[in-house]
Each structure stands twice: as C-alpha cells, then as structure tokens.
Amino acid sequence: PLDDKQLYETYHGVFISVQYCITAEVKRGVLSRNIKRQLEFVIEVPEASRKLALQPSQFRIVPESLENVKKSSLHKVPTFKFVGQLDSTSCDIASPLTGELVVEHCSASIKSIELQLVRIESSSATDSVAREATEIQNIQIADGAVCRGWPIPLYMVFPRLFTCPTVHGPQFKIEFELNLVILFTDGHLLTEKFPLKLCRLATA
C-alpha cells in the first residue's frame, strides 16, 4: 500500500466487502472481441507480533443478571445458573475459539444450547452512521436435557472469507461478537453476548 494507506484483509460481508482482483485483457483487433478475465486473490495481513495477550472472560448467568427483566417480575422467571468462561475474547483468527460452559441447575427444560458468531458492520456517511449485525454461523453445542455440573466444551473455528481481523477504519468498521444462546422447550431463550477482538498473528 501507499505510505498513507492501510491494506485490509479480504472480507466478504453483507454490507461491506474488501476484494482484490487481477484483470487480464487480450486485445484481438478491430473485428474480434477482446478476451477479458478477472481473478480474485485473497490477502492476509499478519501483525508484527507472534504472541497474543489472552483476555479470559468468565461469565455467570442467573435470573438477577437478566437486563430486560424487571426485579418485580423475577418470580415469573425459572431458576437457573449457568457458569463458564471463554479462554480469551482476543482471538487469533487462525486458531479456534475455546472455552467451557457448566449448567449448575435449571428448573426449566432445555431444548438446545448454541454458539452464534455475529458480524457488526458499520459505515459512516456525512453525519450518519449505519450499523448492521448479521449472523455468520451457528453451532449447536448441546441438545435436549443437559447433564448438571458437567463441563460442556465450547469450540468454534472462524470461517475464512466471512471473518477478518477487527477493523476500525476512518469510514467503516468490521467487528465481531459471540452469542451464547440457551433455548428452552417453551420457546423462551437466553442470550449472553461477548464482544470479540480478532487479529492475525505473524507466523514463523
């Protein structure tokens, strides 16, 4: 890139895309059509560092921690306690996200537990900012009745092309978050959000 420009990684999003292409054209004269082909190539931009500062995130989900439930209505909410941790919310995009979840107790019947990877694309124009969140992938980590007190491993590989290192550019942003979703058989669900910072470490 030029001295005052930044090279961004290849990324295929819904509202923002970063693509690099090579175009070749063969000119065949006046009476023949030119032959033209375009080929996309993938750019990866590793950071200078080869080490990642881990940022573990422990969580505890109980009725009192719900944000959209009034204290006066807590008696209507089933009793539950989910605890666990993400090994780091600062992640190398080439390595899987890992952690664990433990269902200590839950009075409601659990239908499934899922991990959702969400991208948040923001772009600015004049005096307004457009911000959209879309799901990239969904992984079911538990189905039906879950053993109490038993650690459930969390494991997610970041999909190529649809993820990139977190970007905070002058006119657009690409950010990511992980949603832990607990779905009950009666249709209600719990969602715990974890902002993620993705980066690409330099290899040896």
N, C-alpha and C. Protein backbone atom coordinates (compact mmCIF):
# COMPACT_ATOMS: atom_id res chain seq x y z
N PRO A 1 0.82 -1.21 0.00
CA PRO A 1 0.00 0.00 0.00
C PRO A 1 0.86 1.26 0.00
N LEU A 2 0.25 2.39 -0.33
CA LEU A 2 0.95 3.66 -0.27
C LEU A 2 1.27 4.01 1.17
N ASP A 3 2.17 4.96 1.35
CA ASP A 3 2.64 5.28 2.70
C ASP A 3 1.51 5.70 3.63
N ASP A 4 0.51 6.40 3.12
CA ASP A 4 -0.56 6.90 3.98
C ASP A 4 -1.82 6.04 3.91
N LYS A 5 -1.69 4.83 3.35
CA LYS A 5 -2.85 3.94 3.21
C LYS A 5 -2.64 2.65 3.99
N GLN A 6 -3.76 2.02 4.37
CA GLN A 6 -3.70 0.75 5.08
C GLN A 6 -4.26 -0.36 4.21
N LEU A 7 -3.59 -1.50 4.23
CA LEU A 7 -4.04 -2.66 3.45
C LEU A 7 -4.94 -3.51 4.34
N TYR A 8 -6.18 -3.71 3.90
CA TYR A 8 -7.13 -4.51 4.66
C TYR A 8 -7.20 -5.93 4.10
N GLU A 9 -7.56 -6.86 4.97
CA GLU A 9 -7.67 -8.25 4.54
C GLU A 9 -8.92 -8.46 3.68
N THR A 10 -8.85 -9.51 2.85
CA THR A 10 -10.02 -9.91 2.07
C THR A 10 -11.17 -10.26 3.02
N TYR A 11 -12.34 -9.74 2.69
CA TYR A 11 -13.50 -9.96 3.55
C TYR A 11 -14.76 -9.89 2.71
N HIS A 12 -15.65 -10.86 2.86
CA HIS A 12 -16.93 -10.89 2.15
C HIS A 12 -18.04 -10.75 3.17
N GLY A 13 -18.62 -9.56 3.27
CA GLY A 13 -19.71 -9.31 4.20
C GLY A 13 -21.01 -9.07 3.48
N VAL A 14 -22.00 -8.63 4.23
CA VAL A 14 -23.31 -8.34 3.67
C VAL A 14 -23.36 -6.90 3.15
N PHE A 15 -22.88 -5.96 3.95
CA PHE A 15 -22.92 -4.55 3.58
C PHE A 15 -21.53 -3.98 3.27
N ILE A 16 -20.49 -4.68 3.71
CA ILE A 16 -19.11 -4.26 3.44
C ILE A 16 -18.33 -5.45 2.89
N SER A 17 -17.60 -5.24 1.82
CA SER A 17 -16.74 -6.27 1.26
C SER A 17 -15.40 -5.65 0.89
N VAL A 18 -14.34 -6.41 1.10
CA VAL A 18 -12.99 -5.99 0.70
C VAL A 18 -12.47 -7.08 -0.23
N GLN A 19 -12.28 -6.73 -1.50
CA GLN A 19 -11.85 -7.69 -2.50
C GLN A 19 -10.68 -7.14 -3.31
N TYR A 20 -9.81 -8.05 -3.72
CA TYR A 20 -8.67 -7.71 -4.56
C TYR A 20 -8.72 -8.61 -5.79
N CYS A 21 -8.65 -8.01 -6.96
CA CYS A 21 -8.78 -8.76 -8.20
C CYS A 21 -7.68 -8.38 -9.19
N ILE A 22 -7.30 -9.34 -10.01
CA ILE A 22 -6.40 -9.11 -11.14
C ILE A 22 -7.22 -9.27 -12.41
N THR A 23 -7.12 -8.30 -13.29
CA THR A 23 -7.83 -8.34 -14.57
C THR A 23 -6.83 -8.42 -15.71
N ALA A 24 -7.02 -9.40 -16.58
CA ALA A 24 -6.17 -9.55 -17.77
C ALA A 24 -7.03 -9.40 -19.01
N GLU A 25 -6.52 -8.66 -19.98
CA GLU A 25 -7.28 -8.43 -21.21
C GLU A 25 -6.37 -8.61 -22.41
N VAL A 26 -6.85 -9.40 -23.37
CA VAL A 26 -6.14 -9.62 -24.63
C VAL A 26 -6.90 -8.90 -25.74
N LYS A 27 -6.26 -7.92 -26.36
CA LYS A 27 -6.89 -7.18 -27.44
C LYS A 27 -6.64 -7.91 -28.76
N ARG A 28 -7.72 -8.17 -29.49
CA ARG A 28 -7.63 -9.04 -30.67
C ARG A 28 -7.87 -8.30 -31.99
N GLY A 29 -7.89 -7.00 -31.95
CA GLY A 29 -8.07 -6.26 -33.19
C GLY A 29 -9.48 -5.74 -33.37
N VAL A 30 -9.70 -5.12 -34.49
CA VAL A 30 -10.97 -4.41 -34.74
C VAL A 30 -12.14 -5.36 -34.92
N LEU A 31 -11.94 -6.47 -35.61
CA LEU A 31 -13.06 -7.33 -35.97
C LEU A 31 -13.31 -8.45 -34.97
N SER A 32 -12.56 -8.51 -33.89
CA SER A 32 -12.74 -9.57 -32.90
C SER A 32 -12.93 -8.97 -31.51
N ARG A 33 -13.67 -9.68 -30.72
CA ARG A 33 -13.88 -9.23 -29.34
C ARG A 33 -12.63 -9.48 -28.51
N ASN A 34 -12.37 -8.55 -27.64
CA ASN A 34 -11.26 -8.74 -26.72
C ASN A 34 -11.59 -9.84 -25.71
N ILE A 35 -10.56 -10.55 -25.26
CA ILE A 35 -10.74 -11.58 -24.23
C ILE A 35 -10.35 -10.97 -22.89
N LYS A 36 -11.26 -11.05 -21.95
CA LYS A 36 -11.03 -10.42 -20.65
C LYS A 36 -11.41 -11.38 -19.54
N ARG A 37 -10.54 -11.55 -18.58
CA ARG A 37 -10.80 -12.40 -17.44
C ARG A 37 -10.40 -11.69 -16.14
N GLN A 38 -11.14 -11.99 -15.08
CA GLN A 38 -10.85 -11.39 -13.78
C GLN A 38 -10.74 -12.49 -12.74
N LEU A 39 -9.73 -12.41 -11.89
CA LEU A 39 -9.48 -13.41 -10.87
C LEU A 39 -9.28 -12.74 -9.52
N GLU A 40 -10.05 -13.19 -8.51
CA GLU A 40 -9.88 -12.65 -7.16
C GLU A 40 -8.78 -13.41 -6.44
N PHE A 41 -7.97 -12.70 -5.70
CA PHE A 41 -6.97 -13.36 -4.86
C PHE A 41 -7.14 -12.87 -3.43
N VAL A 42 -6.76 -13.74 -2.49
CA VAL A 42 -7.01 -13.49 -1.07
C VAL A 42 -5.79 -12.84 -0.44
N ILE A 43 -6.04 -11.77 0.30
CA ILE A 43 -4.98 -11.05 1.01
C ILE A 43 -5.11 -11.31 2.51
N GLU A 44 -4.02 -11.70 3.14
CA GLU A 44 -3.95 -11.82 4.59
C GLU A 44 -2.86 -10.89 5.10
N VAL A 45 -3.16 -10.13 6.15
CA VAL A 45 -2.22 -9.13 6.67
C VAL A 45 -1.90 -9.48 8.13
N PRO A 46 -0.85 -10.25 8.37
CA PRO A 46 -0.50 -10.59 9.76
C PRO A 46 0.10 -9.41 10.50
N GLU A 47 -0.09 -9.41 11.81
CA GLU A 47 0.52 -8.38 12.64
C GLU A 47 1.98 -8.72 12.89
N ALA A 48 2.74 -7.75 13.34
CA ALA A 48 4.16 -7.97 13.59
C ALA A 48 4.38 -8.93 14.75
N SER A 49 3.47 -8.91 15.72
CA SER A 49 3.64 -9.75 16.91
C SER A 49 3.30 -11.21 16.62
N ARG A 50 4.01 -12.11 17.30
CA ARG A 50 3.73 -13.53 17.19
C ARG A 50 3.05 -14.07 18.44
N LYS A 51 2.78 -13.20 19.40
CA LYS A 51 2.14 -13.61 20.64
C LYS A 51 0.86 -12.81 20.84
N LEU A 52 -0.11 -13.46 21.45
CA LEU A 52 -1.41 -12.84 21.70
C LEU A 52 -1.61 -12.69 23.20
N ALA A 53 -1.99 -11.49 23.61
CA ALA A 53 -2.30 -11.24 25.03
C ALA A 53 -3.70 -11.79 25.31
N LEU A 54 -3.76 -12.90 26.01
CA LEU A 54 -5.05 -13.54 26.27
C LEU A 54 -5.90 -12.69 27.21
N GLN A 55 -7.19 -12.67 26.95
CA GLN A 55 -8.14 -11.93 27.78
C GLN A 55 -9.29 -12.87 28.15
N PRO A 56 -9.08 -13.72 29.16
CA PRO A 56 -10.15 -14.65 29.56
C PRO A 56 -11.39 -13.90 30.03
N SER A 57 -12.53 -14.49 29.76
CA SER A 57 -13.80 -13.89 30.17
C SER A 57 -14.65 -14.93 30.88
N GLN A 58 -14.81 -14.76 32.19
CA GLN A 58 -15.66 -15.65 32.96
C GLN A 58 -17.08 -15.08 32.99
N PHE A 59 -18.06 -15.96 32.99
CA PHE A 59 -19.44 -15.48 33.00
C PHE A 59 -20.28 -16.31 33.96
N ARG A 60 -21.34 -15.67 34.40
CA ARG A 60 -22.30 -16.29 35.33
C ARG A 60 -23.68 -15.76 34.96
N ILE A 61 -24.56 -16.65 34.54
CA ILE A 61 -25.89 -16.25 34.08
C ILE A 61 -26.92 -16.76 35.09
N VAL A 62 -27.59 -15.84 35.74
CA VAL A 62 -28.65 -16.14 36.71
C VAL A 62 -29.82 -15.18 36.43
N PRO A 63 -31.01 -15.45 36.97
CA PRO A 63 -32.15 -14.55 36.70
C PRO A 63 -31.86 -13.09 37.04
N GLU A 64 -31.09 -12.84 38.10
CA GLU A 64 -30.81 -11.47 38.52
C GLU A 64 -29.91 -10.73 37.52
N SER A 65 -29.22 -11.46 36.65
CA SER A 65 -28.33 -10.81 35.70
C SER A 65 -29.02 -10.45 34.38
N LEU A 66 -30.29 -10.82 34.23
CA LEU A 66 -31.02 -10.52 33.00
C LEU A 66 -31.29 -9.02 32.91
N GLU A 67 -31.02 -8.44 31.75
CA GLU A 67 -31.15 -6.99 31.59
C GLU A 67 -32.57 -6.54 31.26
N ASN A 68 -33.34 -7.37 30.59
CA ASN A 68 -34.66 -6.95 30.14
C ASN A 68 -35.80 -7.47 31.02
N VAL A 69 -35.48 -7.85 32.25
CA VAL A 69 -36.49 -8.34 33.18
C VAL A 69 -36.48 -7.45 34.43
N LYS A 70 -37.64 -6.92 34.78
CA LYS A 70 -37.75 -6.09 35.98
C LYS A 70 -37.64 -6.95 37.23
N LYS A 71 -37.11 -6.36 38.28
CA LYS A 71 -36.97 -7.09 39.54
C LYS A 71 -38.31 -7.59 40.07
N SER A 72 -39.37 -6.81 39.81
CA SER A 72 -40.70 -7.20 40.28
C SER A 72 -41.24 -8.42 39.53
N SER A 73 -40.61 -8.75 38.40
CA SER A 73 -41.10 -9.89 37.59
C SER A 73 -40.19 -11.11 37.69
N LEU A 74 -39.17 -11.04 38.54
CA LEU A 74 -38.23 -12.16 38.63
C LEU A 74 -38.87 -13.44 39.12
N HIS A 75 -39.96 -13.31 39.89
CA HIS A 75 -40.62 -14.52 40.41
C HIS A 75 -41.27 -15.34 39.29
N LYS A 76 -41.46 -14.72 38.12
CA LYS A 76 -42.05 -15.43 36.98
C LYS A 76 -40.99 -16.16 36.15
N VAL A 77 -39.73 -15.87 36.42
CA VAL A 77 -38.63 -16.44 35.64
C VAL A 77 -38.17 -17.75 36.27
N PRO A 78 -37.92 -18.78 35.48
CA PRO A 78 -37.41 -20.04 36.05
C PRO A 78 -36.08 -19.80 36.76
N THR A 79 -35.76 -20.63 37.72
CA THR A 79 -34.47 -20.52 38.40
C THR A 79 -33.42 -21.27 37.58
N PHE A 80 -32.26 -20.68 37.43
CA PHE A 80 -31.18 -21.31 36.68
C PHE A 80 -29.85 -20.66 37.07
N LYS A 81 -28.79 -21.39 36.77
CA LYS A 81 -27.45 -20.87 36.97
C LYS A 81 -26.52 -21.54 35.96
N PHE A 82 -26.01 -20.71 35.05
CA PHE A 82 -25.05 -21.17 34.05
C PHE A 82 -23.73 -20.43 34.29
N VAL A 83 -22.65 -21.16 34.38
CA VAL A 83 -21.34 -20.55 34.60
C VAL A 83 -20.36 -21.10 33.56
N GLY A 84 -19.27 -20.40 33.37
CA GLY A 84 -18.26 -20.87 32.44
C GLY A 84 -17.28 -19.78 32.11
N GLN A 85 -16.53 -20.01 31.05
CA GLN A 85 -15.57 -18.99 30.63
C GLN A 85 -15.19 -19.18 29.17
N LEU A 86 -14.81 -18.07 28.54
CA LEU A 86 -14.12 -18.11 27.25
C LEU A 86 -12.63 -17.98 27.57
N ASP A 87 -11.83 -18.82 26.94
CA ASP A 87 -10.40 -18.77 27.23
C ASP A 87 -9.79 -17.42 26.87
N SER A 88 -10.36 -16.75 25.86
CA SER A 88 -9.92 -15.40 25.52
C SER A 88 -10.92 -14.77 24.56
N THR A 89 -11.23 -13.48 24.80
CA THR A 89 -12.07 -12.74 23.85
C THR A 89 -11.22 -11.99 22.83
N SER A 90 -9.90 -12.08 23.00
CA SER A 90 -8.96 -11.59 21.99
C SER A 90 -8.41 -12.82 21.29
N CYS A 91 -8.72 -12.98 20.01
CA CYS A 91 -8.50 -14.27 19.34
C CYS A 91 -7.64 -14.13 18.10
N ASP A 92 -6.79 -15.12 17.89
CA ASP A 92 -6.08 -15.27 16.63
C ASP A 92 -7.05 -15.92 15.65
N ILE A 93 -7.26 -15.27 14.52
CA ILE A 93 -8.28 -15.73 13.58
C ILE A 93 -7.95 -17.11 13.00
N ALA A 94 -6.68 -17.49 13.06
CA ALA A 94 -6.27 -18.80 12.53
C ALA A 94 -6.41 -19.92 13.55
N SER A 95 -6.80 -19.59 14.76
CA SER A 95 -6.97 -20.59 15.83
C SER A 95 -8.41 -20.59 16.30
N PRO A 96 -8.90 -21.73 16.80
CA PRO A 96 -10.30 -21.79 17.24
C PRO A 96 -10.54 -21.03 18.55
N LEU A 97 -11.76 -20.58 18.70
CA LEU A 97 -12.21 -20.01 19.97
C LEU A 97 -12.61 -21.15 20.88
N THR A 98 -12.16 -21.12 22.14
CA THR A 98 -12.41 -22.22 23.05
C THR A 98 -12.91 -21.72 24.40
N GLY A 99 -13.48 -22.61 25.16
CA GLY A 99 -13.97 -22.29 26.50
C GLY A 99 -14.79 -23.45 27.02
N GLU A 100 -15.60 -23.17 28.04
CA GLU A 100 -16.47 -24.21 28.58
C GLU A 100 -17.69 -23.59 29.25
N LEU A 101 -18.74 -24.37 29.32
CA LEU A 101 -19.99 -23.97 29.94
C LEU A 101 -20.44 -25.08 30.88
N VAL A 102 -20.94 -24.69 32.07
CA VAL A 102 -21.47 -25.64 33.04
C VAL A 102 -22.89 -25.23 33.42
N VAL A 103 -23.83 -26.15 33.28
CA VAL A 103 -25.20 -25.92 33.74
C VAL A 103 -25.26 -26.43 35.18
N GLU A 104 -25.22 -25.52 36.13
CA GLU A 104 -25.23 -25.95 37.54
C GLU A 104 -26.63 -26.39 37.96
N HIS A 105 -27.62 -25.59 37.60
CA HIS A 105 -29.01 -26.02 37.82
C HIS A 105 -29.93 -25.20 36.94
N CYS A 106 -31.07 -25.77 36.62
CA CYS A 106 -32.06 -25.07 35.78
C CYS A 106 -33.41 -25.77 35.96
N SER A 107 -34.41 -25.00 36.41
CA SER A 107 -35.74 -25.58 36.67
C SER A 107 -36.54 -25.76 35.39
N ALA A 108 -36.17 -25.03 34.32
CA ALA A 108 -36.87 -25.15 33.04
C ALA A 108 -36.20 -26.22 32.18
N SER A 109 -36.97 -26.76 31.24
CA SER A 109 -36.46 -27.80 30.35
C SER A 109 -35.68 -27.14 29.20
N ILE A 110 -34.44 -27.58 29.02
CA ILE A 110 -33.59 -27.01 27.97
C ILE A 110 -33.78 -27.78 26.67
N LYS A 111 -33.96 -27.04 25.58
CA LYS A 111 -34.10 -27.66 24.26
C LYS A 111 -32.74 -27.76 23.57
N SER A 112 -31.97 -26.68 23.59
CA SER A 112 -30.64 -26.70 22.96
C SER A 112 -29.82 -25.52 23.46
N ILE A 113 -28.50 -25.65 23.29
CA ILE A 113 -27.57 -24.57 23.59
C ILE A 113 -26.72 -24.36 22.34
N GLU A 114 -26.58 -23.10 21.93
CA GLU A 114 -25.92 -22.80 20.67
C GLU A 114 -24.91 -21.67 20.82
N LEU A 115 -23.93 -21.67 19.93
CA LEU A 115 -22.99 -20.57 19.78
C LEU A 115 -23.25 -19.88 18.46
N GLN A 116 -23.42 -18.57 18.49
CA GLN A 116 -23.63 -17.79 17.28
C GLN A 116 -22.48 -16.80 17.10
N LEU A 117 -21.90 -16.80 15.92
CA LEU A 117 -20.89 -15.81 15.58
C LEU A 117 -21.55 -14.72 14.75
N VAL A 118 -21.45 -13.48 15.21
CA VAL A 118 -22.14 -12.35 14.59
C VAL A 118 -21.13 -11.31 14.14
N ARG A 119 -21.33 -10.78 12.95
CA ARG A 119 -20.50 -9.67 12.47
C ARG A 119 -21.30 -8.38 12.57
N ILE A 120 -20.63 -7.31 12.94
CA ILE A 120 -21.26 -5.99 13.05
C ILE A 120 -20.54 -5.05 12.10
N GLU A 121 -21.24 -4.64 11.06
CA GLU A 121 -20.66 -3.79 10.02
C GLU A 121 -21.21 -2.38 10.18
N SER A 122 -20.31 -1.42 10.27
CA SER A 122 -20.71 -0.02 10.43
C SER A 122 -20.04 0.81 9.35
N SER A 123 -20.79 1.71 8.75
CA SER A 123 -20.24 2.62 7.75
C SER A 123 -20.78 4.01 8.00
N SER A 124 -19.94 5.00 7.79
CA SER A 124 -20.33 6.39 8.05
C SER A 124 -20.37 7.17 6.74
N ALA A 125 -21.36 8.06 6.65
CA ALA A 125 -21.50 8.94 5.50
C ALA A 125 -22.05 10.27 6.00
N THR A 126 -21.30 11.33 5.75
CA THR A 126 -21.62 12.68 6.22
C THR A 126 -21.86 12.65 7.74
N ASP A 127 -23.11 12.85 8.18
CA ASP A 127 -23.37 12.96 9.62
C ASP A 127 -24.13 11.77 10.18
N SER A 128 -24.20 10.65 9.43
CA SER A 128 -24.93 9.48 9.90
C SER A 128 -24.05 8.24 9.86
N VAL A 129 -24.39 7.27 10.72
CA VAL A 129 -23.66 6.01 10.78
C VAL A 129 -24.66 4.86 10.67
N ALA A 130 -24.44 3.98 9.70
CA ALA A 130 -25.29 2.80 9.53
C ALA A 130 -24.60 1.62 10.19
N ARG A 131 -25.33 0.90 11.04
CA ARG A 131 -24.76 -0.23 11.78
C ARG A 131 -25.70 -1.42 11.65
N GLU A 132 -25.16 -2.52 11.13
CA GLU A 132 -25.97 -3.72 10.92
C GLU A 132 -25.24 -4.95 11.47
N ALA A 133 -26.00 -5.80 12.15
CA ALA A 133 -25.46 -7.04 12.70
C ALA A 133 -26.10 -8.22 11.99
N THR A 134 -25.28 -9.16 11.52
CA THR A 134 -25.79 -10.35 10.83
C THR A 134 -25.05 -11.58 11.34
N GLU A 135 -25.75 -12.70 11.33
CA GLU A 135 -25.16 -13.95 11.82
C GLU A 135 -24.28 -14.58 10.75
N ILE A 136 -23.09 -15.03 11.14
CA ILE A 136 -22.19 -15.71 10.21
C ILE A 136 -22.38 -17.21 10.29
N GLN A 137 -22.35 -17.76 11.50
CA GLN A 137 -22.53 -19.19 11.66
C GLN A 137 -23.13 -19.50 13.03
N ASN A 138 -23.76 -20.67 13.10
CA ASN A 138 -24.42 -21.12 14.33
C ASN A 138 -24.01 -22.57 14.58
N ILE A 139 -23.50 -22.83 15.79
CA ILE A 139 -23.06 -24.18 16.15
C ILE A 139 -23.82 -24.64 17.39
N GLN A 140 -24.47 -25.77 17.29
CA GLN A 140 -25.18 -26.34 18.44
C GLN A 140 -24.18 -27.13 19.28
N ILE A 141 -24.08 -26.81 20.57
CA ILE A 141 -23.13 -27.49 21.44
C ILE A 141 -23.81 -28.43 22.42
N ALA A 142 -25.14 -28.36 22.53
CA ALA A 142 -25.87 -29.28 23.41
C ALA A 142 -27.30 -29.41 22.90
N ASP A 143 -27.87 -30.60 23.10
CA ASP A 143 -29.22 -30.87 22.61
C ASP A 143 -30.00 -31.60 23.69
N GLY A 144 -31.18 -31.06 24.01
CA GLY A 144 -32.04 -31.72 24.97
C GLY A 144 -31.57 -31.55 26.41
N ALA A 145 -31.91 -32.51 27.26
CA ALA A 145 -31.58 -32.45 28.68
C ALA A 145 -30.06 -32.48 28.86
N VAL A 146 -29.53 -31.48 29.52
CA VAL A 146 -28.09 -31.34 29.70
C VAL A 146 -27.71 -31.81 31.09
N CYS A 147 -26.63 -32.58 31.18
CA CYS A 147 -26.16 -33.05 32.49
C CYS A 147 -25.77 -31.86 33.35
N ARG A 148 -26.23 -31.83 34.58
CA ARG A 148 -25.90 -30.75 35.50
C ARG A 148 -24.49 -30.95 36.07
N GLY A 149 -23.78 -29.83 36.18
CA GLY A 149 -22.45 -29.87 36.75
C GLY A 149 -21.38 -30.47 35.86
N TRP A 150 -21.70 -30.71 34.60
CA TRP A 150 -20.74 -31.34 33.68
C TRP A 150 -20.24 -30.29 32.68
N PRO A 151 -18.92 -30.08 32.58
CA PRO A 151 -18.41 -29.04 31.66
C PRO A 151 -18.72 -29.39 30.20
N ILE A 152 -19.28 -28.44 29.48
CA ILE A 152 -19.54 -28.58 28.04
C ILE A 152 -18.48 -27.76 27.30
N PRO A 153 -17.67 -28.38 26.46
CA PRO A 153 -16.63 -27.61 25.77
C PRO A 153 -17.23 -26.67 24.72
N LEU A 154 -16.66 -25.48 24.64
CA LEU A 154 -17.00 -24.51 23.61
C LEU A 154 -15.86 -24.50 22.60
N TYR A 155 -16.20 -24.66 21.32
CA TYR A 155 -15.17 -24.75 20.29
C TYR A 155 -15.75 -24.22 18.98
N MET A 156 -15.11 -23.19 18.44
CA MET A 156 -15.60 -22.62 17.18
C MET A 156 -14.41 -22.20 16.31
N VAL A 157 -14.42 -22.65 15.06
CA VAL A 157 -13.41 -22.26 14.08
C VAL A 157 -13.95 -21.06 13.31
N PHE A 158 -13.13 -20.04 13.14
CA PHE A 158 -13.57 -18.85 12.41
C PHE A 158 -13.57 -19.13 10.90
N PRO A 159 -14.70 -18.92 10.22
CA PRO A 159 -14.77 -19.24 8.80
C PRO A 159 -13.96 -18.25 7.95
N ARG A 160 -13.23 -18.77 6.99
CA ARG A 160 -12.43 -17.94 6.10
C ARG A 160 -13.34 -17.13 5.19
N LEU A 161 -12.88 -15.97 4.77
CA LEU A 161 -13.56 -15.01 3.89
C LEU A 161 -14.68 -14.24 4.60
N PHE A 162 -15.43 -14.91 5.49
CA PHE A 162 -16.54 -14.23 6.16
C PHE A 162 -16.11 -13.60 7.49
N THR A 163 -14.86 -13.80 7.87
CA THR A 163 -14.30 -13.11 9.03
C THR A 163 -12.96 -12.51 8.62
N CYS A 164 -12.52 -11.53 9.39
CA CYS A 164 -11.23 -10.88 9.16
C CYS A 164 -10.81 -10.25 10.49
N PRO A 165 -9.57 -9.83 10.62
CA PRO A 165 -9.21 -9.10 11.84
C PRO A 165 -10.12 -7.90 12.05
N THR A 166 -10.44 -7.60 13.30
CA THR A 166 -11.30 -6.46 13.62
C THR A 166 -10.75 -5.20 12.98
N VAL A 167 -11.63 -4.45 12.31
CA VAL A 167 -11.22 -3.25 11.57
C VAL A 167 -11.91 -2.03 12.15
N HIS A 168 -11.14 -0.99 12.45
CA HIS A 168 -11.68 0.32 12.82
C HIS A 168 -11.08 1.34 11.85
N GLY A 169 -11.70 1.45 10.69
CA GLY A 169 -11.22 2.35 9.66
C GLY A 169 -11.84 3.74 9.79
N PRO A 170 -11.36 4.69 8.99
CA PRO A 170 -11.91 6.05 9.07
C PRO A 170 -13.36 6.16 8.61
N GLN A 171 -13.79 5.26 7.71
CA GLN A 171 -15.16 5.34 7.18
C GLN A 171 -15.98 4.08 7.41
N PHE A 172 -15.37 3.04 7.91
CA PHE A 172 -16.15 1.82 8.19
C PHE A 172 -15.48 1.02 9.30
N LYS A 173 -16.30 0.16 9.92
CA LYS A 173 -15.83 -0.72 10.98
C LYS A 173 -16.36 -2.13 10.71
N ILE A 174 -15.53 -3.12 11.05
CA ILE A 174 -15.96 -4.52 11.00
C ILE A 174 -15.62 -5.13 12.35
N GLU A 175 -16.64 -5.48 13.10
CA GLU A 175 -16.45 -6.02 14.45
C GLU A 175 -17.20 -7.35 14.56
N PHE A 176 -16.87 -8.10 15.61
CA PHE A 176 -17.46 -9.42 15.79
C PHE A 176 -17.85 -9.63 17.24
N GLU A 177 -18.86 -10.46 17.45
CA GLU A 177 -19.25 -10.85 18.79
C GLU A 177 -19.76 -12.27 18.79
N LEU A 178 -19.65 -12.90 19.95
CA LEU A 178 -20.14 -14.27 20.12
C LEU A 178 -21.38 -14.23 21.00
N ASN A 179 -22.42 -14.92 20.58
CA ASN A 179 -23.63 -15.04 21.37
C ASN A 179 -23.76 -16.47 21.88
N LEU A 180 -23.92 -16.61 23.19
CA LEU A 180 -24.26 -17.89 23.79
C LEU A 180 -25.77 -17.91 23.96
N VAL A 181 -26.44 -18.82 23.26
CA VAL A 181 -27.90 -18.84 23.23
C VAL A 181 -28.39 -20.13 23.89
N ILE A 182 -29.24 -19.99 24.89
CA ILE A 182 -29.84 -21.14 25.58
C ILE A 182 -31.34 -21.11 25.28
N LEU A 183 -31.80 -22.12 24.55
CA LEU A 183 -33.20 -22.18 24.12
C LEU A 183 -33.95 -23.20 24.97
N PHE A 184 -35.10 -22.76 25.51
CA PHE A 184 -35.93 -23.64 26.34
C PHE A 184 -37.05 -24.24 25.49
N THR A 185 -37.62 -25.35 25.98
CA THR A 185 -38.66 -26.05 25.22
C THR A 185 -39.93 -25.23 25.07
N ASP A 186 -40.15 -24.26 25.96
CA ASP A 186 -41.36 -23.44 25.85
C ASP A 186 -41.19 -22.27 24.87
N GLY A 187 -40.04 -22.20 24.20
CA GLY A 187 -39.82 -21.16 23.20
C GLY A 187 -39.03 -19.96 23.69
N HIS A 188 -38.87 -19.80 25.00
CA HIS A 188 -38.08 -18.70 25.54
C HIS A 188 -36.59 -19.00 25.37
N LEU A 189 -35.80 -17.94 25.36
CA LEU A 189 -34.36 -18.15 25.22
C LEU A 189 -33.59 -17.10 26.00
N LEU A 190 -32.35 -17.46 26.34
CA LEU A 190 -31.41 -16.56 26.99
C LEU A 190 -30.26 -16.31 26.03
N THR A 191 -29.77 -15.07 26.00
CA THR A 191 -28.64 -14.74 25.14
C THR A 191 -27.62 -13.95 25.94
N GLU A 192 -26.38 -14.43 25.93
CA GLU A 192 -25.27 -13.72 26.56
C GLU A 192 -24.29 -13.33 25.46
N LYS A 193 -23.95 -12.03 25.39
CA LYS A 193 -23.10 -11.54 24.30
C LYS A 193 -21.67 -11.30 24.80
N PHE A 194 -20.71 -11.62 23.94
CA PHE A 194 -19.29 -11.42 24.24
C PHE A 194 -18.63 -10.72 23.05
N PRO A 195 -18.26 -9.46 23.18
CA PRO A 195 -17.52 -8.79 22.09
C PRO A 195 -16.17 -9.48 21.89
N LEU A 196 -15.81 -9.68 20.63
CA LEU A 196 -14.54 -10.32 20.31
C LEU A 196 -13.62 -9.35 19.56
N LYS A 197 -12.34 -9.50 19.79
CA LYS A 197 -11.34 -8.79 19.01
C LYS A 197 -10.53 -9.82 18.25
N LEU A 198 -10.64 -9.80 16.92
CA LEU A 198 -9.92 -10.77 16.09
C LEU A 198 -8.66 -10.14 15.53
N CYS A 199 -7.61 -10.93 15.45
CA CYS A 199 -6.36 -10.46 14.87
C CYS A 199 -5.69 -11.65 14.17
N ARG A 200 -4.68 -11.37 13.38
CA ARG A 200 -3.93 -12.44 12.72
C ARG A 200 -2.46 -12.31 13.12
N LEU A 201 -1.97 -13.29 13.81
CA LEU A 201 -0.60 -13.25 14.29
C LEU A 201 0.37 -13.64 13.19
N ALA A 202 1.56 -13.09 13.26
CA ALA A 202 2.60 -13.45 12.32
C ALA A 202 3.07 -14.88 12.57
N THR A 203 3.35 -15.60 11.50
CA THR A 203 3.83 -16.97 11.63
C THR A 203 5.36 -16.98 11.50
N ALA A 204 5.92 -18.05 11.97
CA ALA A 204 7.38 -18.17 11.93
C ALA A 204 7.89 -18.25 10.50
